[in-house]
N, C-alpha and C. Protein backbone atom coordinates (compact mmCIF):
# COMPACT_ATOMS: atom_id res chain seq x y z
N MET A 1 29.52 -29.56 58.32
CA MET A 1 28.66 -30.78 58.27
C MET A 1 27.17 -30.46 57.82
N ARG A 2 26.79 -31.22 57.06
CA ARG A 2 25.29 -31.03 56.59
C ARG A 2 24.34 -31.83 57.27
N THR A 3 23.18 -31.11 57.30
CA THR A 3 21.94 -31.94 58.22
C THR A 3 21.25 -32.92 57.44
N LYS A 4 20.49 -33.68 57.79
CA LYS A 4 19.68 -34.76 57.26
C LYS A 4 18.85 -34.09 56.06
N ALA A 5 18.49 -32.97 56.24
CA ALA A 5 17.40 -31.99 55.13
C ALA A 5 18.22 -31.85 54.08
N GLU A 6 19.59 -31.44 54.27
CA GLU A 6 20.20 -31.26 53.08
C GLU A 6 20.79 -32.38 52.38
N ILE A 7 21.20 -33.38 53.09
CA ILE A 7 21.45 -34.62 52.33
C ILE A 7 20.46 -35.30 51.54
N ARG A 8 19.43 -34.99 52.07
CA ARG A 8 17.95 -35.65 51.08
C ARG A 8 17.77 -34.68 50.16
N ASP A 9 17.82 -33.46 50.13
CA ASP A 9 17.93 -32.64 48.95
C ASP A 9 18.53 -32.72 47.82
N TRP A 10 20.14 -33.20 48.13
CA TRP A 10 21.02 -33.40 47.52
C TRP A 10 20.56 -34.66 46.62
N ARG A 11 20.28 -35.68 47.49
CA ARG A 11 19.81 -36.98 46.72
C ARG A 11 18.70 -36.85 46.04
N LYS A 12 17.63 -35.84 46.31
CA LYS A 12 16.43 -35.70 45.54
C LYS A 12 16.80 -35.01 44.10
N LYS A 13 17.79 -33.92 44.06
CA LYS A 13 18.03 -33.50 43.06
C LYS A 13 18.57 -34.48 42.10
N ARG A 14 19.44 -35.22 42.56
CA ARG A 14 20.20 -36.36 41.77
C ARG A 14 19.21 -37.08 41.16
N ILE A 15 18.27 -37.51 42.01
CA ILE A 15 16.99 -38.54 41.16
C ILE A 15 16.44 -37.78 40.17
N ARG A 16 15.87 -36.51 40.63
CA ARG A 16 14.90 -35.89 39.48
C ARG A 16 15.47 -35.34 38.29
N LYS A 17 16.71 -35.41 38.37
CA LYS A 17 17.56 -35.30 36.98
C LYS A 17 17.22 -36.43 35.93
N LYS A 18 17.03 -37.42 36.72
CA LYS A 18 16.78 -38.60 35.69
C LYS A 18 15.40 -38.99 35.54
N VAL A 19 14.38 -38.79 36.54
CA VAL A 19 13.07 -39.18 36.63
C VAL A 19 12.13 -37.85 36.39
N SER A 20 11.22 -38.50 35.24
CA SER A 20 10.33 -37.29 34.84
C SER A 20 9.36 -38.14 34.44
N GLY A 21 8.03 -37.52 34.63
CA GLY A 21 6.69 -38.32 34.56
C GLY A 21 5.95 -37.71 33.04
N SER A 22 5.49 -38.54 32.22
CA SER A 22 5.06 -37.75 31.02
C SER A 22 3.33 -38.43 31.06
N GLU A 23 2.78 -38.23 29.98
CA GLU A 23 1.27 -38.41 30.14
C GLU A 23 1.00 -39.96 30.01
N SER A 24 2.18 -40.62 29.09
CA SER A 24 1.84 -42.06 29.17
C SER A 24 2.18 -42.85 30.26
N ARG A 25 3.23 -42.08 31.13
CA ARG A 25 3.88 -42.90 32.08
C ARG A 25 4.33 -41.71 33.13
N PRO A 26 3.10 -41.34 34.01
CA PRO A 26 3.28 -40.17 35.04
C PRO A 26 4.11 -40.54 36.09
N ARG A 27 4.62 -39.67 36.99
CA ARG A 27 5.37 -40.10 38.04
C ARG A 27 4.75 -40.30 39.34
N LEU A 28 5.16 -41.26 40.21
CA LEU A 28 4.42 -41.34 41.49
C LEU A 28 5.63 -40.65 42.43
N SER A 29 5.18 -39.95 43.11
CA SER A 29 6.14 -39.07 44.06
C SER A 29 5.42 -39.41 45.47
N VAL A 30 6.65 -39.74 46.33
CA VAL A 30 6.31 -40.06 47.68
C VAL A 30 6.81 -39.25 48.55
N PHE A 31 6.19 -38.84 49.68
CA PHE A 31 6.57 -37.79 50.66
C PHE A 31 6.39 -38.47 51.88
N ARG A 32 7.37 -38.66 52.95
CA ARG A 32 7.55 -39.44 54.18
C ARG A 32 7.57 -38.40 55.37
N SER A 33 6.41 -38.04 56.20
CA SER A 33 6.84 -37.28 57.52
C SER A 33 6.91 -38.06 58.58
N ALA A 34 7.18 -37.69 59.75
CA ALA A 34 7.37 -38.18 61.06
C ALA A 34 6.36 -39.56 61.21
N VAL A 35 5.07 -38.72 60.86
CA VAL A 35 3.81 -39.53 61.43
C VAL A 35 2.90 -40.05 60.12
N HIS A 36 2.73 -39.47 58.96
CA HIS A 36 1.98 -39.79 57.74
C HIS A 36 2.77 -40.03 56.66
N ILE A 37 2.26 -40.53 55.60
CA ILE A 37 2.91 -40.74 54.20
C ILE A 37 2.21 -40.36 53.15
N TYR A 38 2.47 -39.72 52.19
CA TYR A 38 1.80 -38.95 50.98
C TYR A 38 2.38 -39.60 49.77
N ALA A 39 1.44 -39.78 48.89
CA ALA A 39 1.66 -40.02 47.37
C ALA A 39 0.92 -39.35 46.44
N GLN A 40 1.59 -38.89 45.40
CA GLN A 40 0.83 -38.23 44.21
C GLN A 40 1.46 -38.66 42.82
N ILE A 41 0.38 -38.76 41.96
CA ILE A 41 0.53 -39.06 40.60
C ILE A 41 0.77 -37.82 39.96
N ILE A 42 2.02 -37.69 39.01
CA ILE A 42 2.34 -36.18 38.55
C ILE A 42 2.54 -36.30 37.22
N ASP A 43 1.97 -35.68 36.22
CA ASP A 43 2.32 -35.50 34.92
C ASP A 43 3.12 -34.32 34.85
N ASP A 44 4.28 -34.49 34.52
CA ASP A 44 5.59 -33.32 34.46
C ASP A 44 5.42 -32.75 33.14
N ALA A 45 4.98 -33.13 32.16
CA ALA A 45 4.65 -32.71 30.83
C ALA A 45 3.58 -31.48 31.13
N GLN A 46 2.78 -31.73 31.64
CA GLN A 46 1.49 -30.88 31.79
C GLN A 46 1.49 -29.89 33.11
N HIS A 47 2.48 -30.39 33.95
CA HIS A 47 2.65 -29.77 35.40
C HIS A 47 1.32 -29.52 36.12
N ARG A 48 0.73 -30.76 36.19
CA ARG A 48 -0.50 -31.05 37.06
C ARG A 48 -0.44 -32.27 37.82
N THR A 49 -1.21 -32.33 38.84
CA THR A 49 -1.50 -33.48 39.75
C THR A 49 -2.39 -34.22 39.40
N LEU A 50 -2.30 -35.46 39.04
CA LEU A 50 -3.51 -36.19 38.33
C LEU A 50 -4.66 -36.83 39.67
N LEU A 51 -3.79 -37.22 40.73
CA LEU A 51 -4.29 -37.51 41.88
C LEU A 51 -3.35 -37.65 43.02
N ALA A 52 -3.97 -37.50 44.16
CA ALA A 52 -3.08 -37.49 45.65
C ALA A 52 -3.76 -38.41 46.59
N VAL A 53 -3.21 -39.36 47.36
CA VAL A 53 -3.53 -40.11 48.32
C VAL A 53 -2.35 -39.79 49.48
N SER A 54 -3.27 -40.18 50.80
CA SER A 54 -2.22 -39.94 52.12
C SER A 54 -2.75 -41.03 53.27
N SER A 55 -1.99 -41.12 54.19
CA SER A 55 -2.34 -41.79 55.12
C SER A 55 -3.68 -41.06 56.17
N LEU A 56 -3.75 -39.80 55.43
CA LEU A 56 -5.07 -39.01 56.18
C LEU A 56 -6.16 -38.91 55.20
N SER A 57 -6.12 -39.80 54.25
CA SER A 57 -7.42 -39.84 53.26
C SER A 57 -8.43 -40.61 53.99
N LYS A 58 -9.80 -40.25 53.66
CA LYS A 58 -10.70 -40.76 54.17
C LYS A 58 -10.92 -42.48 54.13
N GLU A 59 -10.58 -42.74 52.83
CA GLU A 59 -10.60 -44.30 52.61
C GLU A 59 -9.66 -45.10 53.38
N ILE A 60 -8.40 -44.62 53.83
CA ILE A 60 -7.63 -45.27 54.79
C ILE A 60 -7.82 -45.00 56.36
N SER A 61 -8.39 -43.96 56.61
CA SER A 61 -8.84 -43.74 57.81
C SER A 61 -10.14 -44.42 58.47
N ALA A 62 -11.05 -44.57 57.33
CA ALA A 62 -12.28 -45.40 57.57
C ALA A 62 -11.95 -46.64 58.04
N GLU A 63 -10.80 -47.31 57.47
CA GLU A 63 -10.70 -48.70 57.80
C GLU A 63 -9.86 -48.77 59.22
N GLY A 64 -9.70 -47.79 59.86
CA GLY A 64 -9.34 -47.87 61.18
C GLY A 64 -7.60 -47.79 61.17
N GLU A 65 -7.03 -47.49 61.91
CA GLU A 65 -5.58 -47.18 62.26
C GLU A 65 -4.80 -48.54 62.07
N GLY A 66 -5.33 -49.53 62.77
CA GLY A 66 -5.00 -50.89 62.51
C GLY A 66 -3.48 -50.95 62.18
N GLY A 67 -2.55 -51.23 62.91
CA GLY A 67 -1.47 -51.46 62.49
C GLY A 67 -0.25 -50.64 62.61
N ASP A 68 1.03 -50.70 62.40
CA ASP A 68 2.21 -49.52 62.35
C ASP A 68 2.14 -48.96 61.45
N LYS A 69 3.05 -47.86 61.26
CA LYS A 69 3.21 -46.96 59.84
C LYS A 69 3.63 -47.71 58.91
N THR A 70 4.10 -48.49 58.89
CA THR A 70 4.60 -49.45 57.34
C THR A 70 3.30 -50.11 56.80
N ALA A 71 2.73 -50.57 57.51
CA ALA A 71 1.42 -51.30 57.22
C ALA A 71 0.43 -50.08 56.60
N LEU A 72 0.55 -48.91 57.27
CA LEU A 72 -0.52 -47.83 56.86
C LEU A 72 0.20 -47.47 55.30
N ALA A 73 1.45 -47.39 55.17
CA ALA A 73 2.18 -46.95 53.89
C ALA A 73 1.85 -48.09 52.83
N ARG A 74 1.59 -49.45 53.29
CA ARG A 74 1.21 -50.59 52.15
C ARG A 74 -0.36 -50.24 51.86
N LYS A 75 -1.12 -49.58 52.62
CA LYS A 75 -2.52 -49.68 52.45
C LYS A 75 -2.70 -48.32 51.28
N VAL A 76 -1.74 -47.19 51.74
CA VAL A 76 -1.48 -46.21 50.87
C VAL A 76 -1.45 -46.37 49.60
N GLY A 77 -0.06 -47.24 49.32
CA GLY A 77 0.32 -47.94 48.16
C GLY A 77 -0.99 -48.75 47.15
N ALA A 78 -1.51 -49.23 48.25
CA ALA A 78 -2.80 -50.16 47.50
C ALA A 78 -3.63 -48.89 46.78
N LEU A 79 -4.05 -48.02 47.86
CA LEU A 79 -5.25 -47.29 47.42
C LEU A 79 -4.54 -46.44 46.16
N VAL A 80 -3.49 -45.93 46.06
CA VAL A 80 -2.89 -45.27 44.86
C VAL A 80 -3.08 -46.10 43.54
N ALA A 81 -2.68 -47.38 43.77
CA ALA A 81 -2.78 -48.34 42.58
C ALA A 81 -4.35 -48.48 42.17
N LYS A 82 -5.31 -48.57 43.00
CA LYS A 82 -6.45 -48.48 42.69
C LYS A 82 -7.21 -47.42 42.38
N LYS A 83 -6.70 -46.20 42.77
CA LYS A 83 -7.18 -45.10 41.93
C LYS A 83 -6.67 -44.95 40.79
N CYS A 84 -5.47 -45.29 40.34
CA CYS A 84 -4.73 -45.18 39.22
C CYS A 84 -5.22 -46.04 38.21
N LEU A 85 -5.95 -47.18 38.45
CA LEU A 85 -6.46 -48.02 37.54
C LEU A 85 -7.93 -47.49 37.14
N GLU A 86 -8.48 -47.05 38.16
CA GLU A 86 -9.63 -46.24 37.66
C GLU A 86 -9.70 -45.49 36.61
N LYS A 87 -8.34 -44.53 36.48
CA LYS A 87 -8.18 -43.61 35.66
C LYS A 87 -7.43 -44.18 34.58
N ASP A 88 -7.33 -45.37 34.71
CA ASP A 88 -6.60 -46.20 33.33
C ASP A 88 -5.18 -45.91 33.20
N ILE A 89 -4.48 -45.68 34.35
CA ILE A 89 -3.13 -45.54 34.55
C ILE A 89 -2.51 -46.75 34.94
N ARG A 90 -1.69 -47.57 34.08
CA ARG A 90 -1.03 -48.62 34.49
C ARG A 90 0.38 -48.48 34.68
N LYS A 91 0.86 -47.61 34.01
CA LYS A 91 2.74 -47.75 34.41
C LYS A 91 2.88 -46.17 34.78
N VAL A 92 3.68 -46.35 35.72
CA VAL A 92 4.41 -45.11 36.45
C VAL A 92 5.73 -45.21 36.46
N VAL A 93 6.45 -44.05 36.68
CA VAL A 93 7.90 -43.87 37.26
C VAL A 93 7.84 -43.63 38.52
N PHE A 94 8.52 -44.47 39.38
CA PHE A 94 8.79 -44.20 41.11
C PHE A 94 9.49 -43.11 41.42
N ASP A 95 9.16 -42.01 42.16
CA ASP A 95 10.17 -41.00 42.67
C ASP A 95 10.34 -41.12 44.09
N ARG A 96 11.02 -41.53 44.59
CA ARG A 96 11.18 -41.87 46.18
C ARG A 96 11.58 -40.50 47.06
N ASN A 97 11.66 -39.54 46.10
CA ASN A 97 11.86 -38.04 46.59
C ASN A 97 13.18 -37.69 47.38
N GLY A 98 14.00 -38.55 47.20
CA GLY A 98 15.30 -38.69 47.86
C GLY A 98 15.31 -39.06 49.39
N PHE A 99 14.34 -40.05 49.79
CA PHE A 99 14.14 -40.95 50.69
C PHE A 99 14.92 -42.21 50.53
N VAL A 100 15.72 -42.83 51.51
CA VAL A 100 16.21 -44.27 50.96
C VAL A 100 15.24 -45.17 50.76
N TYR A 101 15.26 -46.12 49.90
CA TYR A 101 14.38 -46.95 49.42
C TYR A 101 14.25 -48.27 50.68
N HIS A 102 13.80 -48.15 51.49
CA HIS A 102 13.56 -49.23 52.60
C HIS A 102 12.50 -48.79 53.70
N GLY A 103 11.92 -49.46 54.44
CA GLY A 103 10.86 -49.48 55.36
C GLY A 103 9.40 -48.91 54.81
N ARG A 104 9.27 -47.54 55.18
CA ARG A 104 7.69 -47.19 54.67
C ARG A 104 7.65 -46.98 53.21
N ILE A 105 8.99 -46.38 52.65
CA ILE A 105 8.96 -46.22 51.06
C ILE A 105 8.77 -47.57 50.38
N LYS A 106 9.52 -48.51 50.79
CA LYS A 106 9.36 -49.70 50.17
C LYS A 106 8.17 -50.31 50.53
N ALA A 107 7.68 -50.30 51.42
CA ALA A 107 6.08 -50.97 51.63
C ALA A 107 5.01 -50.18 50.78
N LEU A 108 5.20 -48.79 50.71
CA LEU A 108 4.23 -48.14 49.96
C LEU A 108 4.42 -48.71 48.31
N ALA A 109 5.70 -48.90 47.79
CA ALA A 109 5.94 -49.26 46.50
C ALA A 109 5.52 -50.62 46.32
N ASP A 110 5.75 -51.69 47.49
CA ASP A 110 5.12 -52.84 47.45
C ASP A 110 3.67 -52.97 47.12
N GLY A 111 3.10 -52.23 48.01
CA GLY A 111 1.48 -52.03 47.93
C GLY A 111 1.25 -51.64 46.60
N ALA A 112 1.52 -50.71 46.17
CA ALA A 112 1.44 -50.28 44.45
C ALA A 112 1.51 -51.03 43.82
N ARG A 113 2.69 -51.91 43.66
CA ARG A 113 2.90 -53.09 42.83
C ARG A 113 1.80 -54.12 42.79
N ALA A 114 1.68 -54.63 44.10
CA ALA A 114 0.47 -55.47 44.68
C ALA A 114 -0.86 -54.95 43.93
N GLY A 115 -1.20 -53.82 44.04
CA GLY A 115 -2.60 -53.58 43.41
C GLY A 115 -2.48 -53.24 42.07
N GLY A 116 -1.34 -53.62 41.26
CA GLY A 116 -1.53 -53.59 39.68
C GLY A 116 -0.74 -52.68 38.93
N LEU A 117 0.08 -51.63 39.76
CA LEU A 117 0.81 -50.70 38.98
C LEU A 117 1.99 -51.37 38.71
N GLU A 118 2.63 -50.92 37.32
CA GLU A 118 3.97 -51.41 36.94
C GLU A 118 5.00 -50.24 37.04
N PHE A 119 6.10 -50.57 37.85
CA PHE A 119 7.53 -49.74 37.78
C PHE A 119 8.39 -50.56 38.11
């Protein structure tokens, strides 16, 4: 019997075969823990992280907790979009990192799209 982590790793490997970030279209990678959510913009061609935002970021925590984890994920998505647009990044490739696309992962993606990112 496989554990949840093993199943996620299997799913993650399958996704990463197809999804890769470039200079013109970097990868938006999302990680969801039990309490927080993290997002990174990654250029896989140069192997570097262009920016990172999480629910622990000062901009998010300054607004106050207010709301559930899904609302917090939406705020993180909007902040990622804002920072990307400041760095003149408009198009990204979404990497859900093996997580099922619903709940907080979907909320982060919706927040990023509402903020102006295209994927």
